[in-house]
Amino acid sequence: MPITAKRNHIKKRASTLIVALILLGTMFFFQETLKTYLGDYFIYPFIAVVIFSILLDVIEYLRYSTTSVEVSDKAFVYRTGILTKREITYPFYKISNTRTQVTIGDRIFGTKTLMIDTAGESDLDLIVEDLPAKACDAIYSEINGKMGKIKLVKGNDDE
């Protein structure tokens, strides 16, 4: 049975909200100065910040809601894309290393980052940020379990 997971976008939404609140707070603090320079139009910068924040939030939501990962019997599959759909398949025999990373923000929001290296490549091949922690742990264990089985089978074939 394949394991699938979608990315969690709450961390990005919170950061967008925090930036919007800081900008709105700063603009509110300098409200009298804005009134002096902009007159009756001083409300427009407030509206622009709110619209910009909502737009960023919608874009992040779409990006995150269209990204998923799956571990099947033979490969790790990464799917992403809003307008242009992209699917990348990493067969287990090509995966050389997997690891997870947890930042302070990840701890607060219950997410993890999954990193996958493949054989023969110099750079990190795939970084999947903001996976729910339980799903990330299950995927990590499943990939490492499948990699171990493949290495054992290959080792027996060489003898």
C-alpha atoms as a PDB file:
ATOM      1  CA  MET A   1       0.000   0.000   0.000  1.00  0.00           C
ATOM      2  CA  PRO A   2       1.583   3.306  -1.050  1.00  0.00           C
ATOM      3  CA  ILE A   3       2.212   6.074   1.454  1.00  0.00           C
ATOM      4  CA  THR A   4       1.153   9.521   0.251  1.00  0.00           C
ATOM      5  CA  ALA A   5       1.414  12.967   1.829  1.00  0.00           C
ATOM      6  CA  LYS A   6       0.660  16.559   0.937  1.00  0.00           C
ATOM      7  CA  ARG A   7       2.745  19.466   2.106  1.00  0.00           C
ATOM      8  CA  ASN A   8       1.512  21.612   4.965  1.00  0.00           C
ATOM      9  CA  HIS A   9       1.293  25.294   4.042  1.00  0.00           C
ATOM     10  CA  ILE A  10       0.486  26.717   7.485  1.00  0.00           C
ATOM     11  CA  LYS A  11       4.094  27.795   8.141  1.00  0.00           C
ATOM     12  CA  LYS A  12       4.216  29.904   4.970  1.00  0.00           C
ATOM     13  CA  ARG A  13       0.780  31.349   5.700  1.00  0.00           C
ATOM     14  CA  ALA A  14       1.866  32.347   9.195  1.00  0.00           C
ATOM     15  CA  SER A  15       4.991  34.085   7.899  1.00  0.00           C
ATOM     16  CA  THR A  16       2.925  36.018   5.336  1.00  0.00           C
ATOM     17  CA  LEU A  17       0.484  37.033   8.066  1.00  0.00           C
ATOM     18  CA  ILE A  18       3.302  38.156  10.374  1.00  0.00           C
ATOM     19  CA  VAL A  19       4.868  40.305   7.638  1.00  0.00           C
ATOM     20  CA  ALA A  20       1.461  41.822   6.819  1.00  0.00           C
ATOM     21  CA  LEU A  21       0.806  42.605  10.490  1.00  0.00           C
ATOM     22  CA  ILE A  22       4.228  44.229  10.877  1.00  0.00           C
ATOM     23  CA  LEU A  23       3.636  46.374   7.786  1.00  0.00           C
ATOM     24  CA  LEU A  24       0.137  47.334   8.900  1.00  0.00           C
ATOM     25  CA  GLY A  25       1.392  48.111  12.419  1.00  0.00           C
ATOM     26  CA  THR A  26       4.172  50.306  11.040  1.00  0.00           C
ATOM     27  CA  MET A  27       1.754  52.095   8.739  1.00  0.00           C
ATOM     28  CA  PHE A  28      -0.705  52.594  11.607  1.00  0.00           C
ATOM     29  CA  PHE A  29       2.092  53.999  13.782  1.00  0.00           C
ATOM     30  CA  PHE A  30       3.003  56.493  11.040  1.00  0.00           C
ATOM     31  CA  GLN A  31      -0.617  57.199  10.165  1.00  0.00           C
ATOM     32  CA  GLU A  32      -0.357  60.941  10.828  1.00  0.00           C
ATOM     33  CA  THR A  33       2.747  61.232   8.644  1.00  0.00           C
ATOM     34  CA  LEU A  34       0.975  59.335   5.862  1.00  0.00           C
ATOM     35  CA  LYS A  35      -2.020  61.668   6.183  1.00  0.00           C
ATOM     36  CA  THR A  36       0.328  64.655   5.853  1.00  0.00           C
ATOM     37  CA  TYR A  37       1.928  63.384   2.646  1.00  0.00           C
ATOM     38  CA  LEU A  38      -0.990  61.521   1.074  1.00  0.00           C
ATOM     39  CA  GLY A  39      -3.964  63.510   2.346  1.00  0.00           C
ATOM     40  CA  ASP A  40      -7.251  61.667   2.019  1.00  0.00           C
ATOM     41  CA  TYR A  41      -5.507  58.865   0.079  1.00  0.00           C
ATOM     42  CA  PHE A  42      -3.600  57.595   3.137  1.00  0.00           C
ATOM     43  CA  ILE A  43      -5.851  54.499   3.316  1.00  0.00           C
ATOM     44  CA  TYR A  44      -4.631  53.130  -0.028  1.00  0.00           C
ATOM     45  CA  PRO A  45      -1.284  51.805   1.272  1.00  0.00           C
ATOM     46  CA  PHE A  46      -3.212  49.893   3.965  1.00  0.00           C
ATOM     47  CA  ILE A  47      -5.476  48.367   1.334  1.00  0.00           C
ATOM     48  CA  ALA A  48      -2.486  47.520  -0.883  1.00  0.00           C
ATOM     49  CA  VAL A  49      -0.746  45.640   1.945  1.00  0.00           C
ATOM     50  CA  VAL A  50      -3.883  43.632   2.725  1.00  0.00           C
ATOM     51  CA  ILE A  51      -4.475  42.751  -0.949  1.00  0.00           C
ATOM     52  CA  PHE A  52      -0.803  41.847  -1.439  1.00  0.00           C
ATOM     53  CA  SER A  53      -0.864  39.599   1.645  1.00  0.00           C
ATOM     54  CA  ILE A  54      -4.010  37.829   0.490  1.00  0.00           C
ATOM     55  CA  LEU A  55      -2.544  37.335  -2.986  1.00  0.00           C
ATOM     56  CA  LEU A  56       0.675  35.847  -1.559  1.00  0.00           C
ATOM     57  CA  ASP A  57      -1.358  33.580   0.691  1.00  0.00           C
ATOM     58  CA  VAL A  58      -3.459  32.285  -2.208  1.00  0.00           C
ATOM     59  CA  ILE A  59      -0.352  31.616  -4.325  1.00  0.00           C
ATOM     60  CA  GLU A  60       1.342  29.730  -1.477  1.00  0.00           C
ATOM     61  CA  TYR A  61      -1.825  27.737  -0.828  1.00  0.00           C
ATOM     62  CA  LEU A  62      -2.056  26.727  -4.495  1.00  0.00           C
ATOM     63  CA  ARG A  63       1.642  25.793  -4.618  1.00  0.00           C
ATOM     64  CA  TYR A  64       1.394  23.669  -1.508  1.00  0.00           C
ATOM     65  CA  SER A  65      -1.954  22.064  -2.303  1.00  0.00           C
ATOM     66  CA  THR A  66      -0.695  20.870  -5.694  1.00  0.00           C
ATOM     67  CA  THR A  67       2.463  19.254  -4.289  1.00  0.00           C
ATOM     68  CA  SER A  68       2.403  15.679  -3.049  1.00  0.00           C
ATOM     69  CA  VAL A  69       4.772  12.803  -2.433  1.00  0.00           C
ATOM     70  CA  GLU A  70       4.166   9.070  -2.653  1.00  0.00           C
ATOM     71  CA  VAL A  71       6.154   5.979  -1.772  1.00  0.00           C
ATOM     72  CA  SER A  72       5.135   2.999  -3.883  1.00  0.00           C
ATOM     73  CA  ASP A  73       6.620  -0.499  -3.983  1.00  0.00           C
ATOM     74  CA  LYS A  74       9.409   0.486  -6.384  1.00  0.00           C
ATOM     75  CA  ALA A  75       9.918   4.251  -6.231  1.00  0.00           C
ATOM     76  CA  PHE A  76       9.501   7.585  -4.501  1.00  0.00           C
ATOM     77  CA  VAL A  77       7.266   9.903  -6.561  1.00  0.00           C
ATOM     78  CA  TYR A  78       7.190  13.729  -6.227  1.00  0.00           C
ATOM     79  CA  ARG A  79       4.343  15.616  -7.938  1.00  0.00           C
ATOM     80  CA  THR A  80       4.022  19.380  -8.158  1.00  0.00           C
ATOM     81  CA  GLY A  81       2.667  22.170 -10.330  1.00  0.00           C
ATOM     82  CA  ILE A  82      -0.154  24.672 -10.564  1.00  0.00           C
ATOM     83  CA  LEU A  83      -0.313  25.262 -14.316  1.00  0.00           C
ATOM     84  CA  THR A  84       2.492  22.962 -15.456  1.00  0.00           C
ATOM     85  CA  LYS A  85       2.236  19.582 -13.782  1.00  0.00           C
ATOM     86  CA  ARG A  86       5.532  17.840 -13.061  1.00  0.00           C
ATOM     87  CA  GLU A  87       6.137  14.319 -11.766  1.00  0.00           C
ATOM     88  CA  ILE A  88       9.579  13.079 -10.773  1.00  0.00           C
ATOM     89  CA  THR A  89      10.127   9.410  -9.970  1.00  0.00           C
ATOM     90  CA  TYR A  90      13.131   8.258  -7.954  1.00  0.00           C
ATOM     91  CA  PRO A  91      13.559   4.452  -8.094  1.00  0.00           C
ATOM     92  CA  PHE A  92      14.822   3.079  -4.782  1.00  0.00           C
ATOM     93  CA  TYR A  93      17.939   1.581  -6.362  1.00  0.00           C
ATOM     94  CA  LYS A  94      19.064   5.122  -7.330  1.00  0.00           C
ATOM     95  CA  ILE A  95      18.485   6.684  -3.909  1.00  0.00           C
ATOM     96  CA  SER A  96      21.753   6.741  -1.982  1.00  0.00           C
ATOM     97  CA  ASN A  97      20.781   8.764   1.087  1.00  0.00           C
ATOM     98  CA  THR A  98      17.719  10.214   2.794  1.00  0.00           C
ATOM     99  CA  ARG A  99      17.580  12.494   5.781  1.00  0.00           C
ATOM    100  CA  THR A 100      15.170  14.771   7.583  1.00  0.00           C
ATOM    101  CA  GLN A 101      15.616  18.227   9.041  1.00  0.00           C
ATOM    102  CA  VAL A 102      13.581  19.994  11.693  1.00  0.00           C
ATOM    103  CA  THR A 103      13.872  23.758  12.233  1.00  0.00           C
ATOM    104  CA  ILE A 104      12.329  25.815  15.007  1.00  0.00           C
ATOM    105  CA  GLY A 105       9.470  26.774  12.684  1.00  0.00           C
ATOM    106  CA  ASP A 106       8.969  23.092  11.845  1.00  0.00           C
ATOM    107  CA  ARG A 107       8.700  22.248  15.536  1.00  0.00           C
ATOM    108  CA  ILE A 108       6.110  24.956  16.092  1.00  0.00           C
ATOM    109  CA  PHE A 109       3.948  23.837  13.164  1.00  0.00           C
ATOM    110  CA  GLY A 110       4.580  20.077  13.364  1.00  0.00           C
ATOM    111  CA  THR A 111       6.380  19.722  10.037  1.00  0.00           C
ATOM    112  CA  LYS A 112       9.695  18.340   8.750  1.00  0.00           C
ATOM    113  CA  THR A 113      11.877  18.631   5.668  1.00  0.00           C
ATOM    114  CA  LEU A 114      12.752  15.465   3.722  1.00  0.00           C
ATOM    115  CA  MET A 115      16.004  15.449   1.717  1.00  0.00           C
ATOM    116  CA  ILE A 116      16.878  12.784  -0.864  1.00  0.00           C
ATOM    117  CA  ASP A 117      20.224  12.143  -2.587  1.00  0.00           C
ATOM    118  CA  THR A 118      20.606   9.878  -5.591  1.00  0.00           C
ATOM    119  CA  ALA A 119      23.651   7.908  -6.679  1.00  0.00           C
ATOM    120  CA  GLY A 120      26.037   9.641  -9.040  1.00  0.00           C
ATOM    121  CA  GLU A 121      24.822  13.170  -8.387  1.00  0.00           C
ATOM    122  CA  SER A 122      26.935  15.776  -6.635  1.00  0.00           C
ATOM    123  CA  ASP A 123      24.145  17.951  -5.270  1.00  0.00           C
ATOM    124  CA  LEU A 124      21.100  17.185  -3.203  1.00  0.00           C
ATOM    125  CA  ASP A 125      18.456  16.024  -5.648  1.00  0.00           C
ATOM    126  CA  LEU A 126      15.211  16.748  -3.859  1.00  0.00           C
ATOM    127  CA  ILE A 127      14.161  18.778  -0.848  1.00  0.00           C
ATOM    128  CA  VAL A 128      10.514  18.511   0.210  1.00  0.00           C
ATOM    129  CA  GLU A 129       9.769  21.144   2.830  1.00  0.00           C
ATOM    130  CA  ASP A 130       6.852  21.318   5.242  1.00  0.00           C
ATOM    131  CA  LEU A 131       5.700  17.712   5.219  1.00  0.00           C
ATOM    132  CA  PRO A 132       3.589  16.789   8.246  1.00  0.00           C
ATOM    133  CA  ALA A 133       6.012  15.254  10.777  1.00  0.00           C
ATOM    134  CA  LYS A 134       4.251  11.872  11.080  1.00  0.00           C
ATOM    135  CA  ALA A 135       3.974  11.478   7.310  1.00  0.00           C
ATOM    136  CA  CYS A 136       7.615  12.506   6.855  1.00  0.00           C
ATOM    137  CA  ASP A 137       8.735   9.914   9.431  1.00  0.00           C
ATOM    138  CA  ALA A 138       6.653   7.200   7.739  1.00  0.00           C
ATOM    139  CA  ILE A 139       8.024   8.099   4.291  1.00  0.00           C
ATOM    140  CA  TYR A 140      11.596   8.242   5.621  1.00  0.00           C
ATOM    141  CA  SER A 141      11.250   4.808   7.262  1.00  0.00           C
ATOM    142  CA  GLU A 142       9.621   3.320   4.178  1.00  0.00           C
ATOM    143  CA  ILE A 143      12.313   4.627   1.813  1.00  0.00           C
ATOM    144  CA  ASN A 144      15.136   3.437   4.069  1.00  0.00           C
ATOM    145  CA  GLY A 145      13.441   0.050   4.447  1.00  0.00           C
ATOM    146  CA  LYS A 146      13.096  -0.339   0.683  1.00  0.00           C
ATOM    147  CA  MET A 147      16.684   0.840   0.107  1.00  0.00           C
ATOM    148  CA  GLY A 148      17.924  -1.776   2.598  1.00  0.00           C
ATOM    149  CA  LYS A 149      16.046  -4.565   0.831  1.00  0.00           C
ATOM    150  CA  ILE A 150      17.422  -3.522  -2.548  1.00  0.00           C
ATOM    151  CA  LYS A 151      20.999  -3.420  -1.218  1.00  0.00           C
ATOM    152  CA  LEU A 152      20.564  -6.881   0.357  1.00  0.00           C
ATOM    153  CA  VAL A 153      19.226  -8.331  -2.887  1.00  0.00           C
ATOM    154  CA  LYS A 154      22.040  -6.745  -4.903  1.00  0.00           C
ATOM    155  CA  GLY A 155      24.600  -8.052  -2.404  1.00  0.00           C
ATOM    156  CA  ASN A 156      23.264 -11.592  -2.789  1.00  0.00           C
ATOM    157  CA  ASP A 157      23.384 -11.348  -6.592  1.00  0.00           C
ATOM    158  CA  ASP A 158      27.063 -10.348  -6.574  1.00  0.00           C
ATOM    159  CA  GLU A 159      28.153 -13.401  -4.580  1.00  0.00           C
END
